[in-house]
Protein backbone atom coordinates (compact mmCIF):
# COMPACT_ATOMS: atom_id res chain seq x y z
CA MET A 1 56.62 7.59 66.34
CA ASP A 2 58.30 5.02 64.71
CA TYR A 3 61.96 6.00 63.45
CA ASP A 4 62.86 2.69 61.34
CA ASN A 5 60.12 1.48 60.15
CA ASP A 6 60.24 -1.55 62.31
CA GLY A 7 56.52 -1.40 63.57
CA ILE A 8 57.13 -0.13 67.29
CA GLN A 9 57.04 3.39 68.56
CA ASP A 10 60.36 5.36 69.10
CA ILE A 11 60.95 8.37 71.20
CA ILE A 12 62.62 11.55 69.40
CA SER A 13 63.67 14.59 71.69
CA GLY A 14 65.14 17.50 71.53
CA SER A 15 67.54 19.41 73.83
CA TYR A 16 67.91 22.86 75.36
CA ASP A 17 71.40 22.80 76.13
CA PRO A 18 73.64 21.63 73.81
CA GLY A 19 71.03 21.15 71.28
CA ASP A 20 71.17 17.81 70.24
CA ILE A 21 68.95 15.44 69.09
CA TYR A 22 68.54 11.97 70.94
CA LEU A 23 66.80 8.52 70.22
CA MET A 24 64.83 6.27 72.58
CA ARG A 25 64.55 3.28 70.61
CA GLY A 26 61.49 1.64 71.42
CA LEU A 27 62.13 -2.16 72.12
CA GLY A 28 58.49 -3.36 72.35
CA ASP A 29 56.20 -3.78 75.95
CA GLY A 30 56.94 -0.17 76.24
CA GLU A 31 60.37 -0.43 77.21
CA TYR A 32 62.93 1.62 75.28
CA ALA A 33 66.76 1.09 74.85
CA ALA A 34 69.24 3.59 76.35
CA VAL A 35 69.10 7.06 74.82
CA GLU A 36 71.41 7.79 72.30
CA SER A 37 72.22 10.63 70.03
CA ILE A 38 71.48 11.05 66.40
CA THR A 39 74.27 12.03 64.17
CA ASP A 40 74.87 12.95 60.52
CA GLN A 41 76.80 11.33 58.12
CA ASP A 42 80.18 13.02 59.00
CA GLY A 43 79.76 11.99 63.07
CA THR A 44 78.46 15.42 64.15
CA PRO A 45 75.75 15.06 66.51
CA LEU A 46 72.31 16.24 64.34
CA VAL A 47 71.60 20.14 64.95
CA HIS A 48 70.47 23.02 63.04
CA HIS A 49 73.69 24.36 63.22
CA PRO A 50 76.37 21.42 62.36
CA LYS A 51 78.90 23.86 60.35
CA GLU A 52 79.32 25.79 63.52
CA LEU A 53 79.31 22.97 66.06
CA LYS A 54 81.92 20.92 64.17
CA ARG A 55 84.65 24.03 64.22
CA HIS A 56 84.09 24.19 68.14
CA LEU A 57 84.20 20.42 68.38
CA ASP A 58 87.67 20.11 65.92
CA ARG A 59 89.15 23.59 67.99
CA VAL A 60 88.04 21.93 71.06
CA ALA A 61 90.19 18.72 69.76
CA ALA A 62 92.74 20.12 68.41
CA SER A 63 93.74 22.72 71.36
CA ASP A 64 95.92 21.93 74.80
CA ASN A 65 93.58 23.69 76.73
CA PRO A 66 90.13 21.55 75.72
CA GLU A 67 88.40 23.04 78.86
CA THR A 68 89.46 26.58 77.69
CA ALA A 69 88.72 26.20 74.23
CA LYS A 70 85.12 25.11 75.05
CA TYR A 71 84.68 28.80 76.99
CA ASP A 72 86.23 31.10 75.10
CA GLU A 73 84.66 33.85 72.72
CA GLU A 74 84.67 31.43 69.80
CA GLY A 75 83.67 28.37 71.69
CA ILE A 76 80.77 29.94 73.20
CA GLN A 77 79.63 31.10 70.09
CA ASP A 78 79.83 28.45 68.06
CA GLN A 79 77.56 26.40 71.15
CA VAL A 80 75.51 29.06 71.62
CA ALA A 81 74.38 28.69 67.26
CA SER A 82 72.91 25.23 68.09
CA PHE A 83 70.75 26.04 71.52
CA GLY A 84 67.51 24.82 71.92
CA SER A 85 65.84 22.26 69.46
CA TRP A 86 62.81 20.86 69.04
CA PRO A 87 62.45 18.14 66.27
CA THR A 88 59.36 16.75 64.30
CA MET A 89 60.16 14.31 61.31
CA MET A 90 57.91 14.18 57.89
CA ASP A 91 59.01 13.06 54.32
CA TRP A 92 60.07 16.84 53.04
CA ASP A 93 60.68 16.37 49.47
CA ASP A 94 58.57 13.60 49.16
CA ASP A 95 61.03 10.14 48.68
CA GLY A 96 59.63 8.09 50.94
CA ASP A 97 62.14 8.54 53.79
CA LEU A 98 61.53 10.62 57.28
CA ASP A 99 63.83 13.68 57.28
CA MET A 100 64.15 15.62 60.57
CA ILE A 101 62.83 19.21 60.58
CA ILE A 102 64.50 21.17 63.93
CA GLY A 103 62.70 24.54 65.43
CA THR A 104 65.30 26.54 67.26
CA PHE A 105 65.48 28.79 70.09
CA SER A 106 65.86 32.25 68.12
CA GLY A 107 62.78 31.09 66.29
CA GLY A 108 63.83 29.75 62.90
CA VAL A 109 63.30 26.08 61.29
CA TYR A 110 65.80 24.05 59.77
CA LEU A 111 65.79 20.86 57.27
CA ARG A 112 68.28 17.83 57.64
CA GLU A 113 67.32 15.61 55.20
CA ASN A 114 67.86 11.91 54.98
CA ILE A 115 69.95 10.66 52.30
CA GLY A 116 69.43 7.23 53.82
CA SER A 117 66.44 5.17 53.78
CA ARG A 118 63.22 4.77 56.15
CA GLU A 119 64.72 1.82 57.75
CA GLN A 120 68.05 3.42 58.01
CA PRO A 121 68.52 7.05 58.43
CA LYS A 122 71.39 8.93 57.48
CA TYR A 123 71.12 12.23 57.49
CA ASP A 124 72.93 14.69 55.28
CA SER A 125 76.51 17.05 56.39
CA SER A 126 74.28 20.71 55.46
CA SER A 127 71.07 22.00 57.36
CA LYS A 128 68.94 24.10 55.14
CA LYS A 129 66.53 27.29 56.26
CA VAL A 130 62.86 25.91 55.90
CA GLU A 131 60.77 28.56 54.24
CA ALA A 132 57.84 29.69 54.47
CA ASP A 133 55.85 31.82 51.58
CA GLY A 134 59.24 32.49 49.53
CA LYS A 135 61.21 33.51 53.09
CA PRO A 136 62.84 32.15 55.69
CA LEU A 137 60.62 30.36 57.96
CA LEU A 138 60.81 32.79 61.69
CA GLU A 139 58.88 32.77 64.91
CA GLU A 140 59.08 35.09 67.88
CA SER A 141 61.63 32.10 69.19
CA HIS A 142 61.67 28.97 70.21
CA ALA A 143 59.96 27.57 67.45
CA CYS A 144 58.22 24.53 68.12
CA PRO A 145 57.37 22.54 64.66
CA VAL A 146 54.93 19.37 64.48
CA ALA A 147 54.04 17.58 60.76
CA ALA A 148 50.84 17.02 60.77
CA ASP A 149 48.22 17.53 57.93
CA TRP A 150 45.74 20.28 59.56
CA ASP A 151 44.19 20.91 56.63
CA GLY A 152 43.28 17.15 55.31
CA ASP A 153 44.14 17.51 51.29
CA GLY A 154 46.64 14.43 51.82
CA LEU A 155 50.18 16.96 52.21
CA THR A 156 52.04 17.10 55.63
CA ASP A 157 51.88 20.77 56.89
CA LEU A 158 53.36 22.02 59.96
CA VAL A 159 52.29 23.47 62.81
CA VAL A 160 54.40 25.51 64.76
CA GLY A 161 54.30 26.51 68.44
CA SER A 162 56.16 29.85 69.47
CA GLY A 163 58.26 31.56 72.48
CA ASP A 164 55.25 34.06 72.50
CA GLY A 165 52.56 31.15 72.96
CA SER A 166 51.40 31.83 69.85
CA VAL A 167 50.73 28.87 66.89
CA SER A 168 50.82 29.21 63.79
CA TRP A 169 50.05 26.63 60.58
CA TYR A 170 51.98 26.64 57.44
CA LYS A 171 49.79 24.84 54.32
CA ASN A 172 51.80 22.47 52.67
CA LEU A 173 51.73 24.03 48.89
CA GLY A 174 53.29 20.74 47.44
CA SER A 175 57.07 20.38 45.97
CA THR A 176 58.39 21.62 49.31
CA ARG A 177 56.94 24.46 49.28
CA LEU A 178 55.06 25.89 52.46
CA GLY A 179 52.36 28.89 52.37
CA PRO A 180 51.82 31.72 54.70
CA ARG A 181 51.64 32.04 58.26
CA ASN A 182 47.94 31.32 59.67
CA VAL A 183 47.82 32.39 63.22
CA LEU A 184 45.65 29.40 65.30
CA VAL A 185 46.17 30.73 68.11
CA GLY A 186 46.92 33.96 69.47
CA ALA A 187 50.37 35.41 71.27
CA PRO A 188 49.79 35.85 75.27
CA SER A 189 53.30 37.59 75.12
CA GLU A 190 55.89 39.26 73.40
CA SER A 191 58.65 37.45 74.35
CA ILE A 192 59.26 33.87 76.29
CA PHE A 193 58.26 35.46 79.39
CA ILE A 194 55.16 36.32 81.41
CA PHE A 195 53.72 37.91 84.37
CA GLN A 196 50.14 36.61 85.23
CA TYR A 197 49.06 38.82 88.25
CA LEU A 198 46.01 36.67 90.20
CA TYR A 199 43.97 37.23 93.26
CA PRO A 200 42.77 34.32 95.32
CA GLY A 201 40.55 32.83 93.20
CA ASP A 202 41.33 33.99 89.75
CA ALA A 203 42.25 31.07 87.07
CA THR A 204 45.39 31.25 85.07
CA VAL A 205 45.26 31.71 81.63
CA PRO A 206 47.78 30.31 78.58
CA GLY A 207 51.15 31.63 78.72
CA ALA A 208 54.20 31.69 76.59
CA ARG A 209 56.56 29.14 75.38
CA ALA A 210 54.15 26.94 73.65
CA GLN A 211 55.27 23.34 73.31
CA ILE A 212 52.51 21.33 71.27
CA CYS A 213 50.99 18.11 70.05
CA VAL A 214 48.50 18.01 67.14
CA HIS A 215 46.17 14.78 68.09
CA ASP A 216 42.59 13.76 67.58
CA TYR A 217 41.77 14.00 71.45
CA ASN A 218 38.10 13.80 71.08
CA HIS A 219 37.77 11.61 68.41
CA ASP A 220 35.59 13.25 65.97
CA GLY A 221 37.88 12.98 62.74
CA ARG A 222 39.56 16.60 63.08
CA LEU A 223 42.97 16.82 64.76
CA ASP A 224 42.99 18.99 67.50
CA LEU A 225 45.71 20.72 69.87
CA LEU A 226 47.05 20.35 72.66
CA LEU A 227 49.70 23.08 74.19
CA GLY A 228 51.83 22.88 77.30
CA ASP A 229 52.89 26.77 78.34
CA TYR A 230 54.87 28.73 81.12
CA SER A 231 54.57 31.83 82.92
CA THR A 232 54.66 33.28 86.59
CA LYS A 233 52.55 33.59 88.57
CA VAL A 234 52.46 36.38 91.05
CA MET A 235 49.68 36.33 93.87
CA LEU A 236 47.95 40.02 95.00
CA ASP A 237 45.51 40.24 98.18
CA LYS A 238 42.17 41.64 98.03
CA SER A 239 42.49 42.73 101.79
CA TRP A 240 45.27 45.73 100.26
CA SER A 241 43.70 49.37 100.93
CA PRO A 242 42.16 50.86 97.76
CA GLN A 243 45.03 53.31 97.57
CA GLN A 244 47.95 50.26 97.97
CA THR A 245 46.52 48.22 95.68
CA ALA A 246 46.74 50.97 92.72
CA GLU A 247 49.81 51.72 93.69
CA VAL A 248 50.69 48.30 93.87
CA ASN A 249 48.56 47.90 90.60
CA ALA A 250 50.77 50.51 88.76
CA THR A 251 54.09 49.76 90.17
CA LEU A 252 54.08 46.07 88.47
CA HIS A 253 52.25 48.06 85.41
CA GLN A 254 55.70 49.59 84.79
CA SER A 255 57.10 46.71 85.93
CA ALA A 256 55.78 44.85 83.02
CA ALA A 257 56.37 48.01 80.68
CA SER A 258 60.29 47.86 81.82
CA MET A 259 60.55 44.30 80.77
CA LYS A 260 59.15 44.86 77.43
CA ARG A 261 62.15 47.41 76.89
CA MET A 262 64.58 45.41 77.47
CA MET A 263 63.45 42.22 75.79
CA ALA A 264 62.37 44.48 72.50
CA VAL A 265 66.06 45.43 72.60
CA GLN A 266 67.36 42.20 73.27
CA LYS A 267 64.89 40.53 70.57
CA ARG A 268 66.60 43.39 68.00
CA PHE A 269 70.22 42.27 68.73
CA LYS A 270 69.36 38.34 68.83
CA GLU A 271 68.19 38.74 64.73
CA ARG A 272 71.14 40.75 64.47
CA TYR A 273 73.39 38.03 65.92
CA MET A 274 71.45 35.72 63.93
CA LYS A 275 72.28 36.89 60.41
CA ALA A 276 75.84 38.10 61.55
CA LEU A 277 76.19 34.60 62.80
CA GLU A 278 74.88 33.13 59.17
CA ALA A 279 77.32 35.47 57.06
CA GLY A 280 80.11 34.14 59.36
CA ASP A 281 80.92 37.45 60.52
CA VAL A 282 79.89 38.67 64.32
CA ASP A 283 82.39 41.12 66.61
CA MET A 284 80.54 39.37 69.85
CA GLU A 285 82.49 42.47 72.08
CA ALA A 286 81.72 45.40 69.96
CA MET A 287 77.40 44.08 69.56
CA GLU A 288 77.43 43.17 73.46
CA LEU A 289 78.95 47.03 74.16
CA GLU A 290 76.28 48.24 71.45
CA MET A 291 73.28 46.19 73.40
CA LYS A 292 74.57 47.48 77.19
CA THR A 293 74.51 51.06 75.96
CA GLU A 294 70.69 50.35 74.54
CA MET A 295 69.56 47.98 77.45
CA GLU A 296 70.66 51.07 79.76
CA LYS A 297 69.24 53.97 77.88
CA ALA A 298 65.84 51.59 78.33
CA GLN A 299 66.37 51.31 81.72
CA LYS A 300 66.40 55.09 82.15
CA GLU A 301 63.55 55.80 80.15
CA SER A 302 61.98 53.10 82.48
CA GLU A 303 63.02 54.94 85.67
CA ALA A 304 62.07 58.10 84.00
CA LEU A 305 58.39 57.16 83.88
CA LYS A 306 57.98 55.55 87.64
CA ILE A 307 55.12 56.70 89.18
CA PRO A 308 56.60 57.73 93.05
CA VAL A 309 55.04 55.37 95.57
CA SER A 310 55.20 54.95 99.47
CA GLU A 311 58.26 52.66 100.87
CA GLU A 312 56.23 49.76 101.61
CA THR A 313 54.29 49.32 98.66
CA GLY A 314 57.99 48.92 97.05
CA GLU A 315 58.83 46.74 99.48
CA LEU A 316 55.85 44.39 99.14
CA VAL A 317 56.22 44.54 95.28
CA LYS A 318 59.57 43.38 95.67
CA GLU A 319 58.31 40.67 97.66
CA LEU A 320 55.85 39.71 95.41
CA LEU A 321 58.09 39.39 92.21
CA GLU A 322 60.70 37.32 94.47
CA GLU A 323 57.89 34.99 95.45
CA GLY A 324 56.48 34.26 91.54
CA GLN A 325 55.71 30.99 91.41
CA THR A 326 56.64 29.53 87.89
CA VAL A 327 53.35 27.33 86.33
CA SER A 328 53.39 25.21 83.70
CA LYS A 329 49.92 23.59 82.69
CA VAL A 330 48.84 21.87 79.45
CA TRP A 331 46.09 23.35 77.18
CA LEU A 332 43.35 21.80 75.03
CA TYR A 333 41.96 23.40 72.14
CA LEU A 334 39.06 21.57 70.67
CA ARG A 335 38.80 22.00 67.07
CA LYS A 336 35.68 22.75 65.46
CA PRO A 337 34.23 22.76 61.91
CA GLU A 338 34.59 26.56 61.24
CA GLU A 339 38.54 26.23 62.26
CA SER A 340 38.49 27.97 65.55
CA PHE A 341 38.73 26.66 69.32
CA THR A 342 37.49 26.33 72.31
CA ALA A 343 40.31 26.63 75.49
CA LYS A 344 40.44 24.02 78.09
């Protein structure tokens, strides 16, 4: 995208850790300047939680032991607040310049308003929650927003990928208002983790952590969807006996159910943590102790539901999971006139 309106394409990138937003200015002829961190009017890196980051940076600068200050309890809390950023740019307030919209690890989306100009962006020191249908926009996790006029009405909407692999469209209603969540691609997972159990020759299917691009791929005048994903591929063996296959499948199913319980606990505490963080009232020690207790309870429930299998099968399943292969692909969803999709 053309960041500074000089007619040359630039590259904007977020980051997982520490969550800063980076600019690679285009020089023309496919050349780019060295990467630079984008900052706000206070000189603080343009993250989605600037108040927490500034507090962290100030504390480290004032400390007699900066390295300790970086990683003490308060330091970790403030750093984690801005962990994970997925940026897109759009004229949010319709004032002729481009503002920065940032998706977050926790699934929220934030606005960093451009108080400068189209040619010389300058960002307000505050960060504001983007709302949809009158409440804070919140995906499962890993919110990856893309600004695009999805319905062709002349207003720029938000299309957002999520950690569970889903993709949603939020219609621009005008006056900085977004409509409710409209699901374009359903969620194949319940979290950022997904296992695909495949026999030789089986094809993988779209996974979790949807990283998206909106583009008229086949030049038919309709916007299509490109989706990058993540999954762990576990290969099964057709030569196993029927009993062994049944035992392996049952054990894998129980393993997936156990992970689902653990993810549900983590998700509940993540939501509580983010609310407490916004309120400035985080008791990490108490929260971690409570989460540990609930995790242990979920683990005991999983153990109680286990179906006994042979030692040989148990070792086989352990080996399968240890050898699981990380797979990331890019999927093309072609837009049809009736708004449905075909994945390729």
